[in-house]
Amino acid sequence: MEIFLMKKSYFTFGGQESYALDILGETPLELMAERLGTELKEEFPPEECDGREIVVLFPVYPFITIRALRDFCASRSGSFAFEGGYVLRGSIKRKDIASLPVIPVGNAFGAGLFRLEDLPSVLVRAARESARIHLSRGVLIEDGAEVGFRVEIGAGTHVGRGVRLSGETKIGQNVRLFGNCQIEDSEIGDRTSVNSSVLLEARVGADCTVGPFAYLRPFSEISDGCRIGDFVEIKNANVGKDCKISHLAYVGDADLGERVNVGCGAIFVNYDGRRKCRSRVGNDCFIGSNCNVIAPVDVADGAYIAAGTTLTRDLECGDFCIGRSRETVKKGRDFLARRD
């Protein structure tokens, strides 16, 4: 049996053709090629079969298997057509394909992709098949999670309902993923917990906690033992071991050492309207709540930045920086007089 897997579109959605639609990280063509052990053919089969058995398929059965295809063909003699392809045997010529008898497929090939309304059921089938594969490897995938076929997950990991893993994502062992997480082309180390967060091309080490509602943008590198809390955004930054960025902070274009504490509301200001600059923070530093770190600055080991400070210059080892003015309090005011 010679299989010709042809590139042909049956519908479009959002400007994307049916053979290029994303089904858990792969296209119908990729799924079919893997299951049939064949490659995409750029040209149609020769004009005559010359006694060979030729099967021409269009990408409408993403979950077809080579065994199902062989059984389907063996149960019928001669040449015939079906919705999604045709089988050529003997000396039939391509010009005679239109006159071939059409054979109904039924459920022989599993989920089809003939119309746009078929796509939701195909995605459900894809999610269940992917979950079954990972379950056999010791990974718990709850119903309602979507795990791409290219995703790698270590044993003992629990993927909760609403989690979506896609691309070349790699998840370690005994990881906990809960809530409506979206994790794409990212890596997560062993024993880390991620809750209701977005990771895009990010790297998170072992024994970390992320979220809820954290946003790790591309080129974010989080080392082992870190706490990335709620409403924290990290972008193009390196965060050292055992750092705590617990809530409501933005760390962009920065390098943080180990055991750094970033307080609530702290912001690394990396853009001056024309260019983006980078800041560096050493080990064992403390950045208080509502601080602004104006790049580029270099904060040496052990420095302490008091809450409410706007930092615009470098700090040496062990410096204590307070960058806020004292309150002005005017007693009494005229409040009581105006109230009367």
C-alpha atoms as a PDB file:
ATOM      1  CA  MET A   1       0.000   0.000   0.000  1.00  0.00           C
ATOM      2  CA  GLU A   2       1.385   3.374  -1.062  1.00  0.00           C
ATOM      3  CA  ILE A   3      -0.136   6.317   0.795  1.00  0.00           C
ATOM      4  CA  PHE A   4      -0.358   9.805  -0.674  1.00  0.00           C
ATOM      5  CA  LEU A   5      -1.198  12.345   2.012  1.00  0.00           C
ATOM      6  CA  MET A   6      -2.294  15.441   0.098  1.00  0.00           C
ATOM      7  CA  LYS A   7      -2.535  19.037   1.237  1.00  0.00           C
ATOM      8  CA  LYS A   8      -6.068  20.239   0.626  1.00  0.00           C
ATOM      9  CA  SER A   9      -8.365  22.605   2.525  1.00  0.00           C
ATOM     10  CA  TYR A  10     -12.005  21.908   3.287  1.00  0.00           C
ATOM     11  CA  PHE A  11     -12.870  25.058   5.209  1.00  0.00           C
ATOM     12  CA  THR A  12     -11.236  28.096   6.776  1.00  0.00           C
ATOM     13  CA  PHE A  13     -11.612  29.565  10.227  1.00  0.00           C
ATOM     14  CA  GLY A  14     -10.090  32.856  11.315  1.00  0.00           C
ATOM     15  CA  GLY A  15      -8.066  32.952   8.104  1.00  0.00           C
ATOM     16  CA  GLN A  16      -6.523  29.545   8.826  1.00  0.00           C
ATOM     17  CA  GLU A  17      -7.087  26.646   6.458  1.00  0.00           C
ATOM     18  CA  SER A  18      -8.395  23.350   7.792  1.00  0.00           C
ATOM     19  CA  TYR A  19      -5.157  21.436   7.237  1.00  0.00           C
ATOM     20  CA  ALA A  20      -3.259  24.084   9.247  1.00  0.00           C
ATOM     21  CA  LEU A  21      -5.601  24.294  12.246  1.00  0.00           C
ATOM     22  CA  ASP A  22      -4.027  23.740  15.647  1.00  0.00           C
ATOM     23  CA  ILE A  23      -5.110  20.489  17.292  1.00  0.00           C
ATOM     24  CA  LEU A  24      -3.277  20.458  20.631  1.00  0.00           C
ATOM     25  CA  GLY A  25      -0.034  21.670  19.104  1.00  0.00           C
ATOM     26  CA  GLU A  26      -0.167  19.763  15.823  1.00  0.00           C
ATOM     27  CA  THR A  27      -2.047  20.083  12.552  1.00  0.00           C
ATOM     28  CA  PRO A  28      -4.291  17.399  11.023  1.00  0.00           C
ATOM     29  CA  LEU A  29      -1.540  16.748   8.475  1.00  0.00           C
ATOM     30  CA  GLU A  30       1.068  16.199  11.183  1.00  0.00           C
ATOM     31  CA  LEU A  31      -1.212  13.897  13.146  1.00  0.00           C
ATOM     32  CA  MET A  32      -2.079  11.836  10.088  1.00  0.00           C
ATOM     33  CA  ALA A  33       1.552  11.580   8.967  1.00  0.00           C
ATOM     34  CA  GLU A  34       2.627  10.298  12.400  1.00  0.00           C
ATOM     35  CA  ARG A  35      -0.103   7.688  12.601  1.00  0.00           C
ATOM     36  CA  LEU A  36       0.353   6.465   9.039  1.00  0.00           C
ATOM     37  CA  GLY A  37       4.152   6.585   8.976  1.00  0.00           C
ATOM     38  CA  THR A  38       4.183   8.613   5.779  1.00  0.00           C
ATOM     39  CA  GLU A  39       5.121  12.071   4.566  1.00  0.00           C
ATOM     40  CA  LEU A  40       3.199  14.835   2.873  1.00  0.00           C
ATOM     41  CA  LYS A  41       3.161  14.385  -0.876  1.00  0.00           C
ATOM     42  CA  GLU A  42       3.452  17.491  -2.987  1.00  0.00           C
ATOM     43  CA  GLU A  43       2.287  15.759  -6.172  1.00  0.00           C
ATOM     44  CA  PHE A  44      -0.639  13.504  -7.004  1.00  0.00           C
ATOM     45  CA  PRO A  45       0.025   9.816  -7.749  1.00  0.00           C
ATOM     46  CA  PRO A  46       1.039   8.775 -11.270  1.00  0.00           C
ATOM     47  CA  GLU A  47      -1.490   8.687 -14.071  1.00  0.00           C
ATOM     48  CA  GLU A  48      -1.810   4.900 -13.875  1.00  0.00           C
ATOM     49  CA  CYS A  49      -1.463   2.559 -10.894  1.00  0.00           C
ATOM     50  CA  ASP A  50       0.490  -0.111 -12.767  1.00  0.00           C
ATOM     51  CA  GLY A  51      -0.962  -2.802 -10.542  1.00  0.00           C
ATOM     52  CA  ARG A  52      -0.095  -1.051  -7.295  1.00  0.00           C
ATOM     53  CA  GLU A  53      -2.504  -0.238  -4.480  1.00  0.00           C
ATOM     54  CA  ILE A  54      -2.499   3.534  -3.992  1.00  0.00           C
ATOM     55  CA  VAL A  55      -4.423   5.318  -1.242  1.00  0.00           C
ATOM     56  CA  VAL A  56      -4.909   9.074  -1.608  1.00  0.00           C
ATOM     57  CA  LEU A  57      -5.912  10.866   1.582  1.00  0.00           C
ATOM     58  CA  PHE A  58      -6.856  14.442   2.310  1.00  0.00           C
ATOM     59  CA  PRO A  59      -6.367  15.781   5.877  1.00  0.00           C
ATOM     60  CA  VAL A  60      -9.837  15.161   7.220  1.00  0.00           C
ATOM     61  CA  TYR A  61      -9.185  12.225   9.590  1.00  0.00           C
ATOM     62  CA  PRO A  62      -6.580  13.446  12.093  1.00  0.00           C
ATOM     63  CA  PHE A  63      -6.887  10.291  14.252  1.00  0.00           C
ATOM     64  CA  ILE A  64      -6.697   7.711  11.480  1.00  0.00           C
ATOM     65  CA  THR A  65      -4.380   4.743  12.110  1.00  0.00           C
ATOM     66  CA  ILE A  66      -2.554   2.548   9.631  1.00  0.00           C
ATOM     67  CA  ARG A  67      -4.354  -0.519  10.981  1.00  0.00           C
ATOM     68  CA  ALA A  68      -7.789   1.053  10.500  1.00  0.00           C
ATOM     69  CA  LEU A  69      -6.841   2.138   6.992  1.00  0.00           C
ATOM     70  CA  ARG A  70      -5.632  -1.341   6.025  1.00  0.00           C
ATOM     71  CA  ASP A  71      -8.738  -3.004   7.439  1.00  0.00           C
ATOM     72  CA  PHE A  72     -10.938  -0.501   5.608  1.00  0.00           C
ATOM     73  CA  CYS A  73      -9.202  -1.183   2.292  1.00  0.00           C
ATOM     74  CA  ALA A  74      -8.975  -4.968   2.734  1.00  0.00           C
ATOM     75  CA  SER A  75     -12.718  -5.277   3.256  1.00  0.00           C
ATOM     76  CA  ARG A  76     -13.421  -3.861  -0.209  1.00  0.00           C
ATOM     77  CA  SER A  77     -12.297  -4.934  -3.655  1.00  0.00           C
ATOM     78  CA  GLY A  78     -11.372  -2.843  -6.650  1.00  0.00           C
ATOM     79  CA  SER A  79     -11.020   0.909  -6.757  1.00  0.00           C
ATOM     80  CA  PHE A  80     -13.379   3.166  -4.859  1.00  0.00           C
ATOM     81  CA  ALA A  81     -13.741   6.652  -3.449  1.00  0.00           C
ATOM     82  CA  PHE A  82     -14.814   7.858  -0.010  1.00  0.00           C
ATOM     83  CA  GLU A  83     -15.311  11.176   1.689  1.00  0.00           C
ATOM     84  CA  GLY A  84     -11.726  12.220   2.361  1.00  0.00           C
ATOM     85  CA  GLY A  85      -9.865  10.219  -0.300  1.00  0.00           C
ATOM     86  CA  TYR A  86      -9.895   7.302  -2.719  1.00  0.00           C
ATOM     87  CA  VAL A  87      -8.245   3.908  -3.278  1.00  0.00           C
ATOM     88  CA  LEU A  88      -6.790   3.014  -6.674  1.00  0.00           C
ATOM     89  CA  ARG A  89      -6.111  -0.580  -7.669  1.00  0.00           C
ATOM     90  CA  GLY A  90      -5.215  -2.220 -10.947  1.00  0.00           C
ATOM     91  CA  SER A  91      -4.946  -0.218 -14.139  1.00  0.00           C
ATOM     92  CA  ILE A  92      -7.426   2.576 -13.412  1.00  0.00           C
ATOM     93  CA  LYS A  93      -6.475   6.020 -14.705  1.00  0.00           C
ATOM     94  CA  ARG A  94      -6.788   9.260 -12.776  1.00  0.00           C
ATOM     95  CA  LYS A  95      -9.343  10.648 -15.241  1.00  0.00           C
ATOM     96  CA  ASP A  96     -11.731   7.863 -14.188  1.00  0.00           C
ATOM     97  CA  ILE A  97     -11.656   8.754 -10.477  1.00  0.00           C
ATOM     98  CA  ALA A  98     -14.812  10.849 -10.728  1.00  0.00           C
ATOM     99  CA  SER A  99     -16.785   7.767 -11.791  1.00  0.00           C
ATOM    100  CA  LEU A 100     -15.626   5.567  -8.892  1.00  0.00           C
ATOM    101  CA  PRO A 101     -18.276   4.226  -6.517  1.00  0.00           C
ATOM    102  CA  VAL A 102     -18.378   6.184  -3.263  1.00  0.00           C
ATOM    103  CA  ILE A 103     -18.108   4.103  -0.087  1.00  0.00           C
ATOM    104  CA  PRO A 104     -19.408   5.507   3.218  1.00  0.00           C
ATOM    105  CA  VAL A 105     -16.749   5.612   5.919  1.00  0.00           C
ATOM    106  CA  GLY A 106     -18.905   5.727   9.034  1.00  0.00           C
ATOM    107  CA  ASN A 107     -16.698   5.629  12.153  1.00  0.00           C
ATOM    108  CA  ALA A 108     -13.938   3.558  10.614  1.00  0.00           C
ATOM    109  CA  PHE A 109     -11.316   6.294  10.975  1.00  0.00           C
ATOM    110  CA  GLY A 110     -12.453   7.972  14.184  1.00  0.00           C
ATOM    111  CA  ALA A 111     -13.046  11.714  14.433  1.00  0.00           C
ATOM    112  CA  GLY A 112     -13.373  13.464  11.085  1.00  0.00           C
ATOM    113  CA  LEU A 113     -12.821  17.085  10.178  1.00  0.00           C
ATOM    114  CA  PHE A 114     -15.137  17.719   7.263  1.00  0.00           C
ATOM    115  CA  ARG A 115     -16.828  20.915   8.431  1.00  0.00           C
ATOM    116  CA  LEU A 116     -16.229  23.665  10.931  1.00  0.00           C
ATOM    117  CA  GLU A 117     -18.895  22.201  13.208  1.00  0.00           C
ATOM    118  CA  ASP A 118     -16.769  19.030  13.460  1.00  0.00           C
ATOM    119  CA  LEU A 119     -13.804  20.888  14.955  1.00  0.00           C
ATOM    120  CA  PRO A 120     -15.071  21.038  18.597  1.00  0.00           C
ATOM    121  CA  SER A 121     -15.566  17.268  18.721  1.00  0.00           C
ATOM    122  CA  VAL A 122     -12.118  16.749  17.193  1.00  0.00           C
ATOM    123  CA  LEU A 123     -10.552  18.929  19.893  1.00  0.00           C
ATOM    124  CA  VAL A 124     -12.380  16.960  22.604  1.00  0.00           C
ATOM    125  CA  ARG A 125     -11.127  13.707  21.075  1.00  0.00           C
ATOM    126  CA  ALA A 126      -7.591  15.137  20.908  1.00  0.00           C
ATOM    127  CA  ALA A 127      -7.638  16.167  24.571  1.00  0.00           C
ATOM    128  CA  ARG A 128      -8.837  12.725  25.670  1.00  0.00           C
ATOM    129  CA  GLU A 129      -6.295  10.890  23.540  1.00  0.00           C
ATOM    130  CA  SER A 130      -3.460  13.063  24.828  1.00  0.00           C
ATOM    131  CA  ALA A 131      -4.632  12.536  28.420  1.00  0.00           C
ATOM    132  CA  ARG A 132      -4.696   8.785  27.887  1.00  0.00           C
ATOM    133  CA  ILE A 133      -1.097   8.825  26.655  1.00  0.00           C
ATOM    134  CA  HIS A 134       0.116  10.782  29.678  1.00  0.00           C
ATOM    135  CA  LEU A 135      -1.952   8.730  32.127  1.00  0.00           C
ATOM    136  CA  SER A 136      -0.096   5.650  30.927  1.00  0.00           C
ATOM    137  CA  ARG A 137       3.139   7.416  31.946  1.00  0.00           C
ATOM    138  CA  GLY A 138       2.027   8.174  35.479  1.00  0.00           C
ATOM    139  CA  VAL A 139       0.630  11.678  34.931  1.00  0.00           C
ATOM    140  CA  LEU A 140      -2.816  12.640  36.222  1.00  0.00           C
ATOM    141  CA  ILE A 141      -4.726  14.694  33.633  1.00  0.00           C
ATOM    142  CA  GLU A 142      -8.152  15.866  34.745  1.00  0.00           C
ATOM    143  CA  ASP A 143     -11.042  16.005  32.295  1.00  0.00           C
ATOM    144  CA  GLY A 144     -11.167  19.522  30.821  1.00  0.00           C
ATOM    145  CA  ALA A 145      -7.396  19.972  30.567  1.00  0.00           C
ATOM    146  CA  GLU A 146      -5.714  20.329  27.162  1.00  0.00           C
ATOM    147  CA  VAL A 147      -2.226  18.900  26.759  1.00  0.00           C
ATOM    148  CA  GLY A 148      -0.497  19.180  23.398  1.00  0.00           C
ATOM    149  CA  PHE A 149       0.947  16.096  21.730  1.00  0.00           C
ATOM    150  CA  ARG A 150       4.471  17.582  21.827  1.00  0.00           C
ATOM    151  CA  VAL A 151       4.340  18.372  25.550  1.00  0.00           C
ATOM    152  CA  GLU A 152       6.592  16.344  27.869  1.00  0.00           C
ATOM    153  CA  ILE A 153       5.412  15.705  31.456  1.00  0.00           C
ATOM    154  CA  GLY A 154       7.181  13.883  34.270  1.00  0.00           C
ATOM    155  CA  ALA A 155       5.602  11.177  36.416  1.00  0.00           C
ATOM    156  CA  GLY A 156       3.556  12.213  39.427  1.00  0.00           C
ATOM    157  CA  THR A 157       2.453  15.529  37.938  1.00  0.00           C
ATOM    158  CA  HIS A 158      -1.156  16.626  38.380  1.00  0.00           C
ATOM    159  CA  VAL A 159      -2.719  18.715  35.594  1.00  0.00           C
ATOM    160  CA  GLY A 160      -6.035  20.178  36.694  1.00  0.00           C
ATOM    161  CA  ARG A 161      -9.160  21.123  34.797  1.00  0.00           C
ATOM    162  CA  GLY A 162      -8.786  24.260  32.662  1.00  0.00           C
ATOM    163  CA  VAL A 163      -5.004  23.983  32.219  1.00  0.00           C
ATOM    164  CA  ARG A 164      -3.722  24.303  28.652  1.00  0.00           C
ATOM    165  CA  LEU A 165      -0.200  23.102  27.812  1.00  0.00           C
ATOM    166  CA  SER A 166       1.027  23.660  24.271  1.00  0.00           C
ATOM    167  CA  GLY A 167       4.097  23.852  22.065  1.00  0.00           C
ATOM    168  CA  GLU A 168       7.438  22.439  23.193  1.00  0.00           C
ATOM    169  CA  THR A 169       6.545  22.661  26.875  1.00  0.00           C
ATOM    170  CA  LYS A 170       8.425  20.447  29.339  1.00  0.00           C
ATOM    171  CA  ILE A 171       7.016  19.757  32.813  1.00  0.00           C
ATOM    172  CA  GLY A 172       9.041  18.040  35.536  1.00  0.00           C
ATOM    173  CA  GLN A 173       7.984  15.407  38.059  1.00  0.00           C
ATOM    174  CA  ASN A 174       5.439  15.925  40.856  1.00  0.00           C
ATOM    175  CA  VAL A 175       4.375  19.325  39.522  1.00  0.00           C
ATOM    176  CA  ARG A 176       0.960  20.778  40.385  1.00  0.00           C
ATOM    177  CA  LEU A 177      -0.861  22.801  37.707  1.00  0.00           C
ATOM    178  CA  PHE A 178      -4.272  24.195  38.654  1.00  0.00           C
ATOM    179  CA  GLY A 179      -6.778  26.842  37.569  1.00  0.00           C
ATOM    180  CA  ASN A 180      -6.921  28.337  34.107  1.00  0.00           C
ATOM    181  CA  CYS A 181      -3.212  28.108  33.344  1.00  0.00           C
ATOM    182  CA  GLN A 182      -1.881  28.768  29.851  1.00  0.00           C
ATOM    183  CA  ILE A 183       1.646  27.416  29.470  1.00  0.00           C
ATOM    184  CA  GLU A 184       3.281  27.606  26.054  1.00  0.00           C
ATOM    185  CA  ASP A 185       6.826  26.667  25.009  1.00  0.00           C
ATOM    186  CA  SER A 186       7.940  26.811  28.641  1.00  0.00           C
ATOM    187  CA  GLU A 187       9.797  24.626  31.146  1.00  0.00           C
ATOM    188  CA  ILE A 188       8.793  23.914  34.755  1.00  0.00           C
ATOM    189  CA  GLY A 189      11.016  22.088  37.236  1.00  0.00           C
ATOM    190  CA  ASP A 190      10.172  19.324  39.673  1.00  0.00           C
ATOM    191  CA  ARG A 191       7.741  19.881  42.557  1.00  0.00           C
ATOM    192  CA  THR A 192       6.731  23.348  41.376  1.00  0.00           C
ATOM    193  CA  SER A 193       3.141  24.573  41.709  1.00  0.00           C
ATOM    194  CA  VAL A 194       1.485  26.897  39.182  1.00  0.00           C
ATOM    195  CA  ASN A 195      -2.003  28.271  39.747  1.00  0.00           C
ATOM    196  CA  SER A 196      -4.094  30.261  37.227  1.00  0.00           C
ATOM    197  CA  SER A 197      -1.115  31.844  35.500  1.00  0.00           C
ATOM    198  CA  VAL A 198       0.264  32.484  32.005  1.00  0.00           C
ATOM    199  CA  LEU A 199       3.756  31.332  31.007  1.00  0.00           C
ATOM    200  CA  LEU A 200       5.029  32.125  27.517  1.00  0.00           C
ATOM    201  CA  GLU A 201       8.539  30.929  26.617  1.00  0.00           C
ATOM    202  CA  ALA A 202       9.489  31.086  30.291  1.00  0.00           C
ATOM    203  CA  ARG A 203      11.623  28.842  32.488  1.00  0.00           C
ATOM    204  CA  VAL A 204      10.761  28.049  36.108  1.00  0.00           C
ATOM    205  CA  GLY A 205      12.995  25.975  38.357  1.00  0.00           C
ATOM    206  CA  ALA A 206      12.204  23.332  40.946  1.00  0.00           C
ATOM    207  CA  ASP A 207      10.311  23.851  44.218  1.00  0.00           C
ATOM    208  CA  CYS A 208       8.745  27.138  43.130  1.00  0.00           C
ATOM    209  CA  THR A 209       5.233  28.511  43.507  1.00  0.00           C
ATOM    210  CA  VAL A 210       3.712  30.660  40.767  1.00  0.00           C
ATOM    211  CA  GLY A 211       0.426  32.533  40.911  1.00  0.00           C
ATOM    212  CA  PRO A 212      -2.404  32.880  41.073  1.00  0.00           C
ATOM    213  CA  PHE A 213      -2.650  35.343  38.163  1.00  0.00           C
ATOM    214  CA  ALA A 214       1.071  35.679  37.484  1.00  0.00           C
ATOM    215  CA  TYR A 215       2.317  36.507  33.975  1.00  0.00           C
ATOM    216  CA  LEU A 216       5.729  35.220  32.904  1.00  0.00           C
ATOM    217  CA  ARG A 217       6.602  36.637  29.511  1.00  0.00           C
ATOM    218  CA  PRO A 218       9.292  35.422  27.078  1.00  0.00           C
ATOM    219  CA  PHE A 219      12.881  35.052  28.338  1.00  0.00           C
ATOM    220  CA  SER A 220      11.861  34.952  31.994  1.00  0.00           C
ATOM    221  CA  GLU A 221      14.196  32.685  33.965  1.00  0.00           C
ATOM    222  CA  ILE A 222      13.078  31.755  37.482  1.00  0.00           C
ATOM    223  CA  SER A 223      15.545  29.756  39.581  1.00  0.00           C
ATOM    224  CA  ASP A 224      14.790  27.105  42.185  1.00  0.00           C
ATOM    225  CA  GLY A 225      12.836  27.832  45.332  1.00  0.00           C
ATOM    226  CA  CYS A 226      11.253  31.110  44.213  1.00  0.00           C
ATOM    227  CA  ARG A 227       7.869  32.546  45.057  1.00  0.00           C
ATOM    228  CA  ILE A 228       6.159  34.415  42.191  1.00  0.00           C
ATOM    229  CA  GLY A 229       2.840  35.576  43.595  1.00  0.00           C
ATOM    230  CA  ASP A 230      -0.448  37.035  42.452  1.00  0.00           C
ATOM    231  CA  PHE A 231      -0.502  39.764  39.801  1.00  0.00           C
ATOM    232  CA  VAL A 232       3.257  39.635  39.295  1.00  0.00           C
ATOM    233  CA  GLU A 233       4.599  40.204  35.784  1.00  0.00           C
ATOM    234  CA  ILE A 234       8.094  39.084  34.800  1.00  0.00           C
ATOM    235  CA  LYS A 235       9.607  39.945  31.441  1.00  0.00           C
ATOM    236  CA  ASN A 236      13.078  39.184  30.071  1.00  0.00           C
ATOM    237  CA  ALA A 237      14.439  38.856  33.606  1.00  0.00           C
ATOM    238  CA  ASN A 238      16.629  36.430  35.543  1.00  0.00           C
ATOM    239  CA  VAL A 239      15.469  35.718  39.088  1.00  0.00           C
ATOM    240  CA  GLY A 240      17.946  33.965  41.373  1.00  0.00           C
ATOM    241  CA  LYS A 241      17.337  31.176  43.882  1.00  0.00           C
ATOM    242  CA  ASP A 242      14.966  31.639  46.817  1.00  0.00           C
ATOM    243  CA  CYS A 243      13.678  35.055  45.702  1.00  0.00           C
ATOM    244  CA  LYS A 244      10.255  36.276  46.765  1.00  0.00           C
ATOM    245  CA  ILE A 245       8.135  38.460  44.494  1.00  0.00           C
ATOM    246  CA  SER A 246       4.885  37.860  46.281  1.00  0.00           C
ATOM    247  CA  HIS A 247       2.348  40.250  44.760  1.00  0.00           C
ATOM    248  CA  LEU A 248       1.563  43.231  42.529  1.00  0.00           C
ATOM    249  CA  ALA A 249       5.033  43.792  41.061  1.00  0.00           C
ATOM    250  CA  TYR A 250       6.654  44.222  37.651  1.00  0.00           C
ATOM    251  CA  VAL A 251      10.178  42.950  37.033  1.00  0.00           C
ATOM    252  CA  GLY A 252      11.299  43.663  33.485  1.00  0.00           C
ATOM    253  CA  ASP A 253      14.787  43.622  31.939  1.00  0.00           C
ATOM    254  CA  ALA A 254      16.493  42.879  35.242  1.00  0.00           C
ATOM    255  CA  ASP A 255      18.887  40.399  36.837  1.00  0.00           C
ATOM    256  CA  LEU A 256      18.139  39.505  40.452  1.00  0.00           C
ATOM    257  CA  GLY A 257      20.566  37.605  42.647  1.00  0.00           C
ATOM    258  CA  GLU A 258      19.656  35.074  45.296  1.00  0.00           C
ATOM    259  CA  ARG A 259      17.318  35.619  48.256  1.00  0.00           C
ATOM    260  CA  VAL A 260      16.010  38.958  46.995  1.00  0.00           C
ATOM    261  CA  ASN A 261      12.687  40.231  48.358  1.00  0.00           C
ATOM    262  CA  VAL A 262      10.613  42.432  46.055  1.00  0.00           C
ATOM    263  CA  GLY A 263       7.779  44.139  47.909  1.00  0.00           C
ATOM    264  CA  CYS A 264       4.198  44.758  46.885  1.00  0.00           C
ATOM    265  CA  GLY A 265       3.835  47.412  44.176  1.00  0.00           C
ATOM    266  CA  ALA A 266       7.532  47.503  43.263  1.00  0.00           C
ATOM    267  CA  ILE A 267       8.296  48.323  39.637  1.00  0.00           C
ATOM    268  CA  PHE A 268      11.459  47.981  37.583  1.00  0.00           C
ATOM    269  CA  VAL A 269      11.181  50.960  35.251  1.00  0.00           C
ATOM    270  CA  ASN A 270      13.002  49.797  32.125  1.00  0.00           C
ATOM    271  CA  TYR A 271      11.826  52.211  29.414  1.00  0.00           C
ATOM    272  CA  ASP A 272      12.583  55.903  29.141  1.00  0.00           C
ATOM    273  CA  GLY A 273      10.520  56.527  26.017  1.00  0.00           C
ATOM    274  CA  ARG A 274      13.355  55.844  23.594  1.00  0.00           C
ATOM    275  CA  ARG A 275      15.277  52.819  24.801  1.00  0.00           C
ATOM    276  CA  LYS A 276      15.001  49.930  27.229  1.00  0.00           C
ATOM    277  CA  CYS A 277      17.694  49.551  29.870  1.00  0.00           C
ATOM    278  CA  ARG A 278      18.609  46.794  32.289  1.00  0.00           C
ATOM    279  CA  SER A 279      19.101  46.792  36.068  1.00  0.00           C
ATOM    280  CA  ARG A 280      21.017  44.405  38.309  1.00  0.00           C
ATOM    281  CA  VAL A 281      20.255  43.508  41.932  1.00  0.00           C
ATOM    282  CA  GLY A 282      22.727  41.513  44.010  1.00  0.00           C
ATOM    283  CA  ASN A 283      22.188  38.803  46.610  1.00  0.00           C
ATOM    284  CA  ASP A 284      20.220  39.282  49.850  1.00  0.00           C
ATOM    285  CA  CYS A 285      18.724  42.630  48.819  1.00  0.00           C
ATOM    286  CA  PHE A 286      15.409  44.029  50.043  1.00  0.00           C
ATOM    287  CA  ILE A 287      13.223  46.175  47.787  1.00  0.00           C
ATOM    288  CA  GLY A 288      10.351  47.648  49.775  1.00  0.00           C
ATOM    289  CA  SER A 289       6.756  48.181  48.757  1.00  0.00           C
ATOM    290  CA  ASN A 290       5.956  50.775  46.075  1.00  0.00           C
ATOM    291  CA  CYS A 291       9.579  51.253  45.038  1.00  0.00           C
ATOM    292  CA  ASN A 292      10.547  52.362  41.537  1.00  0.00           C
ATOM    293  CA  VAL A 293      13.895  51.067  40.280  1.00  0.00           C
ATOM    294  CA  ILE A 294      14.795  53.332  37.360  1.00  0.00           C
ATOM    295  CA  ALA A 295      17.070  51.481  34.929  1.00  0.00           C
ATOM    296  CA  PRO A 296      19.944  51.288  34.473  1.00  0.00           C
ATOM    297  CA  VAL A 297      21.064  50.881  38.084  1.00  0.00           C
ATOM    298  CA  ASP A 298      23.321  48.399  39.879  1.00  0.00           C
ATOM    299  CA  VAL A 299      22.286  47.404  43.403  1.00  0.00           C
ATOM    300  CA  ALA A 300      25.081  45.594  45.239  1.00  0.00           C
ATOM    301  CA  ASP A 301      24.691  42.707  47.687  1.00  0.00           C
ATOM    302  CA  GLY A 302      22.782  43.302  50.895  1.00  0.00           C
ATOM    303  CA  ALA A 303      21.349  46.693  49.946  1.00  0.00           C
ATOM    304  CA  TYR A 304      18.039  47.751  51.496  1.00  0.00           C
ATOM    305  CA  ILE A 305      15.640  50.062  49.641  1.00  0.00           C
ATOM    306  CA  ALA A 306      12.955  51.504  51.869  1.00  0.00           C
ATOM    307  CA  ALA A 307       9.282  51.504  50.868  1.00  0.00           C
ATOM    308  CA  GLY A 308       8.193  54.302  48.566  1.00  0.00           C
ATOM    309  CA  THR A 309      11.703  54.987  47.246  1.00  0.00           C
ATOM    310  CA  THR A 310      12.440  55.926  43.641  1.00  0.00           C
ATOM    311  CA  LEU A 311      15.954  54.693  42.948  1.00  0.00           C
ATOM    312  CA  THR A 312      17.946  56.406  40.201  1.00  0.00           C
ATOM    313  CA  ARG A 313      21.577  55.616  41.119  1.00  0.00           C
ATOM    314  CA  ASP A 314      23.774  52.659  42.005  1.00  0.00           C
ATOM    315  CA  LEU A 315      23.990  51.305  45.539  1.00  0.00           C
ATOM    316  CA  GLU A 316      27.062  49.790  47.136  1.00  0.00           C
ATOM    317  CA  CYS A 317      27.176  46.680  49.297  1.00  0.00           C
ATOM    318  CA  GLY A 318      25.034  47.043  52.415  1.00  0.00           C
ATOM    319  CA  ASP A 319      23.664  50.517  51.573  1.00  0.00           C
ATOM    320  CA  PHE A 320      20.379  51.619  53.128  1.00  0.00           C
ATOM    321  CA  CYS A 321      18.455  53.837  50.711  1.00  0.00           C
ATOM    322  CA  ILE A 322      15.475  56.041  51.579  1.00  0.00           C
ATOM    323  CA  GLY A 323      14.236  58.084  48.653  1.00  0.00           C
ATOM    324  CA  ARG A 324      11.055  59.721  49.927  1.00  0.00           C
ATOM    325  CA  SER A 325      10.338  63.085  51.519  1.00  0.00           C
ATOM    326  CA  ARG A 326       8.901  63.411  55.013  1.00  0.00           C
ATOM    327  CA  GLU A 327       5.228  64.210  55.412  1.00  0.00           C
ATOM    328  CA  THR A 328       4.077  67.787  55.954  1.00  0.00           C
ATOM    329  CA  VAL A 329       1.281  67.850  58.549  1.00  0.00           C
ATOM    330  CA  LYS A 330      -0.699  71.073  59.129  1.00  0.00           C
ATOM    331  CA  LYS A 331      -2.616  70.788  62.367  1.00  0.00           C
ATOM    332  CA  GLY A 332      -6.271  71.634  62.706  1.00  0.00           C
ATOM    333  CA  ARG A 333      -6.901  72.930  59.182  1.00  0.00           C
ATOM    334  CA  ASP A 334     -10.268  74.741  58.967  1.00  0.00           C
ATOM    335  CA  PHE A 335     -12.355  71.574  58.869  1.00  0.00           C
ATOM    336  CA  LEU A 336     -14.249  72.181  62.131  1.00  0.00           C
ATOM    337  CA  ALA A 337     -14.951  75.807  61.297  1.00  0.00           C
ATOM    338  CA  ARG A 338     -16.345  75.026  57.851  1.00  0.00           C
ATOM    339  CA  ARG A 339     -18.479  72.199  59.215  1.00  0.00           C
ATOM    340  CA  ASP A 340     -20.198  74.571  61.633  1.00  0.00           C
END
